[in-house]
Structure formats: structure tokens, C-alpha cells
Amino acid sequence: MTGKWSTACAIVLPAAALLSAVPASADSTDDAFIAALTKNGIAITDRDAATAMGRSVCDGFDRHEKSSFLAVKLMTRSGLSLKQSSYFVGVSVSAYCPEYVGHTDNSTRWLNPGPPLM
């Protein structure tokens, strides 16, 4: 009888430990990504949506889209300013697809206002 109990305990206890285990903390890359955005004044209301959007930037680079196009697309979908969405693209690249660091373009420079005229 004791053999049956020890076999049952050997099966039940590990299963109970797995079921009651505390879920792992969020990915450290996601944490750093969110921290960089909030540090620069970009309010994050939905962490999952923000990280998904960050990863979608990398998908755009995979499709050979220009960083300026990705920033403008992000701007129109999220309500961020061009400066914020450009920063978002940069942080996304740093966090999720560092292989694209240095692959940005300056084609939206004309959208930035110049110095005031005197």
C-alpha cells in the first residue's frame, strides 16, 4: 500500500507545484522597452499593445519599409507626435531588432519645423 501512495505522491506533487507556480515576470526586454518610452514622456496605457506595436516596427523593417514610413504610420495609428513616433521606432529597433540599428533614413526631415524666421 505504501508503494501506491509514494507513486501517487510522485505524480501529484509535481503537478500541484506546476499549477500553483507563480507566473514568470515580464520579459526584461519588454520592461526596458516600456521604461525607455515612459522615461521619454510617452504614456503607455496598454503594455501588451505597446510591445506588440514595437515588434511590428521590426516586421516593417523585415518588409524593407523605411523608418520614416514606419514612424508616420505609427503616428497616424497611435496619436503620437512625429517626434514621439520616431523615438518609438528607434526604441523598438534597439529592443527588438538590433540588427536594424543604423538603417534609419532622414526622409521626414521636411516635416520638422525649422528655426523661427527673424
N, C-alpha and C. Protein backbone atom coordinates (compact mmCIF):
# COMPACT_ATOMS: atom_id res chain seq x y z
N MET A 1 0.82 -1.19 0.00
CA MET A 1 0.00 0.00 0.00
C MET A 1 0.87 1.25 0.00
N THR A 2 1.98 1.21 0.74
CA THR A 2 2.85 2.38 0.78
C THR A 2 3.43 2.67 -0.60
N GLY A 3 3.69 1.66 -1.39
CA GLY A 3 4.23 1.87 -2.74
C GLY A 3 3.27 2.65 -3.62
N LYS A 4 1.97 2.36 -3.45
CA LYS A 4 0.96 3.07 -4.23
C LYS A 4 0.92 4.54 -3.84
N TRP A 5 1.01 4.82 -2.52
CA TRP A 5 0.97 6.21 -2.05
C TRP A 5 2.19 6.99 -2.53
N SER A 6 3.34 6.39 -2.48
CA SER A 6 4.53 7.12 -2.91
C SER A 6 4.50 7.35 -4.41
N THR A 7 3.96 6.42 -5.18
CA THR A 7 3.82 6.64 -6.62
C THR A 7 2.81 7.74 -6.90
N ALA A 8 1.70 7.74 -6.18
CA ALA A 8 0.68 8.77 -6.36
C ALA A 8 1.24 10.13 -5.98
N CYS A 9 1.98 10.20 -4.87
CA CYS A 9 2.57 11.48 -4.46
C CYS A 9 3.62 11.95 -5.46
N ALA A 10 4.36 11.01 -6.03
CA ALA A 10 5.39 11.37 -7.02
C ALA A 10 4.76 11.98 -8.26
N ILE A 11 3.53 11.63 -8.55
CA ILE A 11 2.84 12.18 -9.72
C ILE A 11 2.08 13.45 -9.35
N VAL A 12 1.39 13.45 -8.24
CA VAL A 12 0.52 14.57 -7.86
C VAL A 12 1.31 15.79 -7.41
N LEU A 13 2.34 15.61 -6.61
CA LEU A 13 3.06 16.76 -6.06
C LEU A 13 3.72 17.63 -7.14
N PRO A 14 4.43 17.07 -8.11
CA PRO A 14 5.00 17.95 -9.15
C PRO A 14 3.91 18.66 -9.96
N ALA A 15 2.80 17.97 -10.22
CA ALA A 15 1.71 18.60 -10.96
C ALA A 15 1.12 19.75 -10.15
N ALA A 16 0.95 19.57 -8.85
CA ALA A 16 0.44 20.63 -7.99
C ALA A 16 1.41 21.80 -7.94
N ALA A 17 2.69 21.51 -7.92
CA ALA A 17 3.69 22.58 -7.91
C ALA A 17 3.63 23.39 -9.20
N LEU A 18 3.44 22.72 -10.31
CA LEU A 18 3.34 23.44 -11.59
C LEU A 18 2.10 24.30 -11.65
N LEU A 19 0.99 23.77 -11.15
CA LEU A 19 -0.26 24.52 -11.19
C LEU A 19 -0.27 25.72 -10.25
N SER A 20 0.46 25.62 -9.15
CA SER A 20 0.45 26.72 -8.19
C SER A 20 1.65 27.64 -8.35
N ALA A 21 2.49 27.38 -9.31
CA ALA A 21 3.68 28.22 -9.51
C ALA A 21 3.27 29.64 -9.88
N VAL A 22 4.02 30.58 -9.37
CA VAL A 22 3.78 31.98 -9.69
C VAL A 22 4.22 32.21 -11.12
N PRO A 23 3.43 32.92 -11.94
CA PRO A 23 3.83 33.16 -13.31
C PRO A 23 5.14 33.95 -13.36
N ALA A 24 5.93 33.66 -14.37
CA ALA A 24 7.21 34.35 -14.53
C ALA A 24 6.97 35.83 -14.76
N SER A 25 7.93 36.64 -14.32
CA SER A 25 7.79 38.09 -14.50
C SER A 25 7.90 38.41 -15.98
N ALA A 26 7.51 39.62 -16.31
CA ALA A 26 7.53 40.05 -17.70
C ALA A 26 8.94 39.98 -18.25
N ASP A 27 9.04 39.85 -19.53
CA ASP A 27 10.32 39.78 -20.22
C ASP A 27 11.12 41.05 -19.94
N SER A 28 12.41 40.89 -19.65
CA SER A 28 13.25 42.05 -19.33
C SER A 28 13.40 42.99 -20.52
N THR A 29 13.35 42.46 -21.74
CA THR A 29 13.39 43.32 -22.93
C THR A 29 12.16 44.20 -22.99
N ASP A 30 10.99 43.62 -22.71
CA ASP A 30 9.75 44.40 -22.68
C ASP A 30 9.82 45.47 -21.59
N ASP A 31 10.36 45.09 -20.42
CA ASP A 31 10.49 46.06 -19.33
C ASP A 31 11.36 47.24 -19.74
N ALA A 32 12.49 46.95 -20.36
CA ALA A 32 13.40 48.02 -20.79
C ALA A 32 12.75 48.88 -21.87
N PHE A 33 12.02 48.26 -22.77
CA PHE A 33 11.32 48.97 -23.84
C PHE A 33 10.30 49.95 -23.25
N ILE A 34 9.46 49.47 -22.36
CA ILE A 34 8.43 50.30 -21.73
C ILE A 34 9.09 51.41 -20.91
N ALA A 35 10.14 51.09 -20.18
CA ALA A 35 10.83 52.09 -19.36
C ALA A 35 11.41 53.20 -20.22
N ALA A 36 11.99 52.84 -21.36
CA ALA A 36 12.56 53.86 -22.24
C ALA A 36 11.48 54.78 -22.80
N LEU A 37 10.34 54.22 -23.14
CA LEU A 37 9.24 55.04 -23.66
C LEU A 37 8.71 55.99 -22.60
N THR A 38 8.44 55.46 -21.42
CA THR A 38 7.88 56.30 -20.36
C THR A 38 8.88 57.35 -19.88
N LYS A 39 10.15 57.01 -19.89
CA LYS A 39 11.19 57.97 -19.50
C LYS A 39 11.20 59.17 -20.45
N ASN A 40 10.84 58.92 -21.70
CA ASN A 40 10.83 60.00 -22.69
C ASN A 40 9.45 60.65 -22.81
N GLY A 41 8.56 60.38 -21.87
CA GLY A 41 7.27 61.06 -21.85
C GLY A 41 6.18 60.43 -22.68
N ILE A 42 6.38 59.22 -23.15
CA ILE A 42 5.35 58.53 -23.92
C ILE A 42 4.55 57.66 -22.94
N ALA A 43 3.32 58.08 -22.70
CA ALA A 43 2.47 57.36 -21.74
C ALA A 43 2.01 56.04 -22.34
N ILE A 44 2.14 54.98 -21.57
CA ILE A 44 1.73 53.65 -22.01
C ILE A 44 0.51 53.24 -21.21
N THR A 45 -0.62 53.09 -21.88
CA THR A 45 -1.83 52.66 -21.20
C THR A 45 -2.06 51.16 -21.34
N ASP A 46 -1.53 50.57 -22.40
CA ASP A 46 -1.68 49.13 -22.63
C ASP A 46 -0.32 48.55 -22.99
N ARG A 47 0.31 47.96 -22.01
CA ARG A 47 1.66 47.41 -22.17
C ARG A 47 1.74 46.40 -23.31
N ASP A 48 0.77 45.50 -23.37
CA ASP A 48 0.79 44.46 -24.41
C ASP A 48 0.67 45.06 -25.80
N ALA A 49 -0.20 46.05 -25.94
CA ALA A 49 -0.36 46.71 -27.24
C ALA A 49 0.92 47.45 -27.63
N ALA A 50 1.56 48.09 -26.66
CA ALA A 50 2.79 48.84 -26.94
C ALA A 50 3.92 47.90 -27.38
N THR A 51 4.07 46.78 -26.68
CA THR A 51 5.14 45.85 -27.07
C THR A 51 4.83 45.20 -28.42
N ALA A 52 3.56 44.93 -28.68
CA ALA A 52 3.18 44.37 -29.99
C ALA A 52 3.48 45.38 -31.09
N MET A 53 3.19 46.65 -30.81
CA MET A 53 3.48 47.70 -31.79
C MET A 53 4.99 47.83 -32.01
N GLY A 54 5.75 47.70 -30.94
CA GLY A 54 7.20 47.74 -31.05
C GLY A 54 7.74 46.61 -31.92
N ARG A 55 7.18 45.44 -31.73
CA ARG A 55 7.61 44.30 -32.56
C ARG A 55 7.14 44.46 -34.01
N SER A 56 6.02 45.14 -34.22
CA SER A 56 5.55 45.35 -35.59
C SER A 56 6.47 46.28 -36.36
N VAL A 57 7.18 47.15 -35.64
CA VAL A 57 8.18 48.00 -36.30
C VAL A 57 9.24 47.12 -36.95
N CYS A 58 9.66 46.10 -36.24
CA CYS A 58 10.66 45.17 -36.79
C CYS A 58 10.11 44.42 -38.00
N ASP A 59 8.83 44.09 -37.94
CA ASP A 59 8.19 43.44 -39.09
C ASP A 59 8.26 44.36 -40.31
N GLY A 60 8.06 45.66 -40.08
CA GLY A 60 8.16 46.64 -41.17
C GLY A 60 9.56 46.68 -41.75
N PHE A 61 10.57 46.65 -40.90
CA PHE A 61 11.95 46.60 -41.41
C PHE A 61 12.20 45.31 -42.18
N ASP A 62 11.62 44.21 -41.71
CA ASP A 62 11.76 42.95 -42.43
C ASP A 62 11.16 43.05 -43.84
N ARG A 63 10.13 43.90 -43.99
CA ARG A 63 9.50 44.11 -45.30
C ARG A 63 10.17 45.25 -46.09
N HIS A 64 11.33 45.70 -45.58
CA HIS A 64 12.14 46.75 -46.24
C HIS A 64 11.44 48.11 -46.26
N GLU A 65 10.59 48.37 -45.28
CA GLU A 65 9.95 49.68 -45.17
C GLU A 65 10.94 50.64 -44.51
N LYS A 66 10.88 51.90 -44.91
CA LYS A 66 11.78 52.90 -44.36
C LYS A 66 11.33 53.29 -42.96
N SER A 67 12.28 53.69 -42.15
CA SER A 67 11.96 54.08 -40.78
C SER A 67 11.01 55.28 -40.75
N SER A 68 11.17 56.19 -41.69
CA SER A 68 10.27 57.35 -41.72
C SER A 68 8.84 56.93 -42.03
N PHE A 69 8.67 55.97 -42.92
CA PHE A 69 7.34 55.45 -43.22
C PHE A 69 6.74 54.80 -41.98
N LEU A 70 7.55 54.02 -41.28
CA LEU A 70 7.08 53.36 -40.06
C LEU A 70 6.69 54.37 -39.00
N ALA A 71 7.46 55.45 -38.87
CA ALA A 71 7.16 56.49 -37.88
C ALA A 71 5.85 57.21 -38.22
N VAL A 72 5.65 57.53 -39.50
CA VAL A 72 4.42 58.22 -39.91
C VAL A 72 3.23 57.28 -39.73
N LYS A 73 3.39 56.02 -40.08
CA LYS A 73 2.31 55.04 -39.90
C LYS A 73 1.97 54.91 -38.42
N LEU A 74 2.97 54.85 -37.57
CA LEU A 74 2.76 54.77 -36.13
C LEU A 74 2.08 56.03 -35.63
N MET A 75 2.49 57.17 -36.13
CA MET A 75 1.90 58.44 -35.73
C MET A 75 0.40 58.47 -36.02
N THR A 76 0.01 58.03 -37.21
CA THR A 76 -1.40 58.07 -37.58
C THR A 76 -2.23 57.05 -36.81
N ARG A 77 -1.63 55.93 -36.44
CA ARG A 77 -2.38 54.89 -35.74
C ARG A 77 -2.45 55.11 -34.23
N SER A 78 -1.47 55.82 -33.68
CA SER A 78 -1.39 55.90 -32.23
C SER A 78 -1.71 57.27 -31.65
N GLY A 79 -1.66 58.30 -32.47
CA GLY A 79 -1.87 59.65 -31.95
C GLY A 79 -0.61 60.27 -31.37
N LEU A 80 0.52 59.60 -31.50
CA LEU A 80 1.78 60.17 -31.06
C LEU A 80 2.21 61.27 -32.02
N SER A 81 3.04 62.17 -31.56
CA SER A 81 3.61 63.17 -32.46
C SER A 81 4.65 62.50 -33.34
N LEU A 82 5.10 63.20 -34.37
CA LEU A 82 6.13 62.63 -35.24
C LEU A 82 7.40 62.38 -34.44
N LYS A 83 7.75 63.29 -33.56
CA LYS A 83 8.95 63.12 -32.74
C LYS A 83 8.81 61.89 -31.85
N GLN A 84 7.66 61.74 -31.20
CA GLN A 84 7.43 60.58 -30.33
C GLN A 84 7.43 59.28 -31.12
N SER A 85 6.77 59.27 -32.27
CA SER A 85 6.71 58.03 -33.05
C SER A 85 8.09 57.68 -33.61
N SER A 86 8.88 58.68 -33.96
CA SER A 86 10.24 58.42 -34.43
C SER A 86 11.08 57.82 -33.30
N TYR A 87 10.92 58.37 -32.10
CA TYR A 87 11.61 57.82 -30.94
C TYR A 87 11.14 56.39 -30.68
N PHE A 88 9.84 56.15 -30.80
CA PHE A 88 9.27 54.83 -30.61
C PHE A 88 9.92 53.83 -31.58
N VAL A 89 10.09 54.24 -32.83
CA VAL A 89 10.73 53.38 -33.83
C VAL A 89 12.15 53.05 -33.39
N GLY A 90 12.88 54.08 -32.94
CA GLY A 90 14.26 53.85 -32.50
C GLY A 90 14.36 52.92 -31.31
N VAL A 91 13.49 53.11 -30.34
CA VAL A 91 13.49 52.24 -29.16
C VAL A 91 13.09 50.82 -29.55
N SER A 92 12.15 50.70 -30.47
CA SER A 92 11.73 49.37 -30.95
C SER A 92 12.90 48.63 -31.58
N VAL A 93 13.65 49.34 -32.41
CA VAL A 93 14.80 48.73 -33.06
C VAL A 93 15.82 48.29 -32.02
N SER A 94 16.11 49.18 -31.07
CA SER A 94 17.09 48.84 -30.03
C SER A 94 16.66 47.63 -29.21
N ALA A 95 15.38 47.55 -28.92
CA ALA A 95 14.89 46.48 -28.06
C ALA A 95 14.67 45.16 -28.79
N TYR A 96 14.01 45.24 -29.95
CA TYR A 96 13.50 44.01 -30.57
C TYR A 96 14.22 43.57 -31.84
N CYS A 97 14.88 44.48 -32.51
CA CYS A 97 15.57 44.07 -33.75
C CYS A 97 16.85 44.87 -33.95
N PRO A 98 17.82 44.67 -33.06
CA PRO A 98 19.05 45.45 -33.12
C PRO A 98 19.83 45.27 -34.43
N GLU A 99 19.47 44.27 -35.19
CA GLU A 99 20.15 44.08 -36.49
C GLU A 99 19.84 45.24 -37.44
N TYR A 100 18.82 46.04 -37.14
CA TYR A 100 18.46 47.17 -37.98
C TYR A 100 18.98 48.51 -37.46
N VAL A 101 19.77 48.49 -36.40
CA VAL A 101 20.36 49.74 -35.91
C VAL A 101 21.20 50.34 -37.04
N GLY A 102 21.00 51.62 -37.28
CA GLY A 102 21.73 52.30 -38.35
C GLY A 102 21.02 52.28 -39.68
N HIS A 103 19.84 51.67 -39.75
CA HIS A 103 19.09 51.59 -41.00
C HIS A 103 17.95 52.62 -41.06
N THR A 104 18.17 53.75 -40.42
CA THR A 104 17.13 54.78 -40.44
C THR A 104 17.41 55.77 -41.56
N ASP A 105 16.39 56.49 -41.95
CA ASP A 105 16.54 57.48 -43.02
C ASP A 105 16.07 58.83 -42.52
N ASN A 106 16.38 59.87 -43.23
CA ASN A 106 16.01 61.22 -42.83
C ASN A 106 14.94 61.81 -43.73
N SER A 107 14.13 60.98 -44.36
CA SER A 107 13.18 61.48 -45.34
C SER A 107 12.02 62.27 -44.74
N THR A 108 11.84 62.24 -43.42
CA THR A 108 10.77 63.05 -42.82
C THR A 108 11.30 64.37 -42.27
N ARG A 109 12.55 64.68 -42.54
CA ARG A 109 13.13 65.91 -42.02
C ARG A 109 12.30 67.13 -42.43
N TRP A 110 11.71 67.10 -43.61
CA TRP A 110 10.92 68.24 -44.09
C TRP A 110 9.67 68.47 -43.25
N LEU A 111 9.24 67.47 -42.48
CA LEU A 111 8.08 67.63 -41.62
C LEU A 111 8.39 68.41 -40.34
N ASN A 112 9.65 68.43 -39.95
CA ASN A 112 10.04 69.15 -38.75
C ASN A 112 10.14 70.63 -39.02
N PRO A 113 9.55 71.45 -38.17
CA PRO A 113 9.62 72.89 -38.41
C PRO A 113 11.05 73.39 -38.25
N GLY A 114 11.41 74.33 -39.06
CA GLY A 114 12.74 74.92 -38.98
C GLY A 114 12.81 75.96 -37.88
N PRO A 115 13.95 76.63 -37.77
CA PRO A 115 14.07 77.66 -36.75
C PRO A 115 13.16 78.84 -37.09
N PRO A 116 12.75 79.59 -36.10
CA PRO A 116 11.85 80.72 -36.38
C PRO A 116 12.54 81.75 -37.28
N LEU A 117 11.74 82.33 -38.15
CA LEU A 117 12.27 83.39 -39.04
C LEU A 117 12.36 84.69 -38.27
N MET A 118 13.40 85.43 -38.52
CA MET A 118 13.56 86.71 -37.81
C MET A 118 13.29 87.86 -38.71
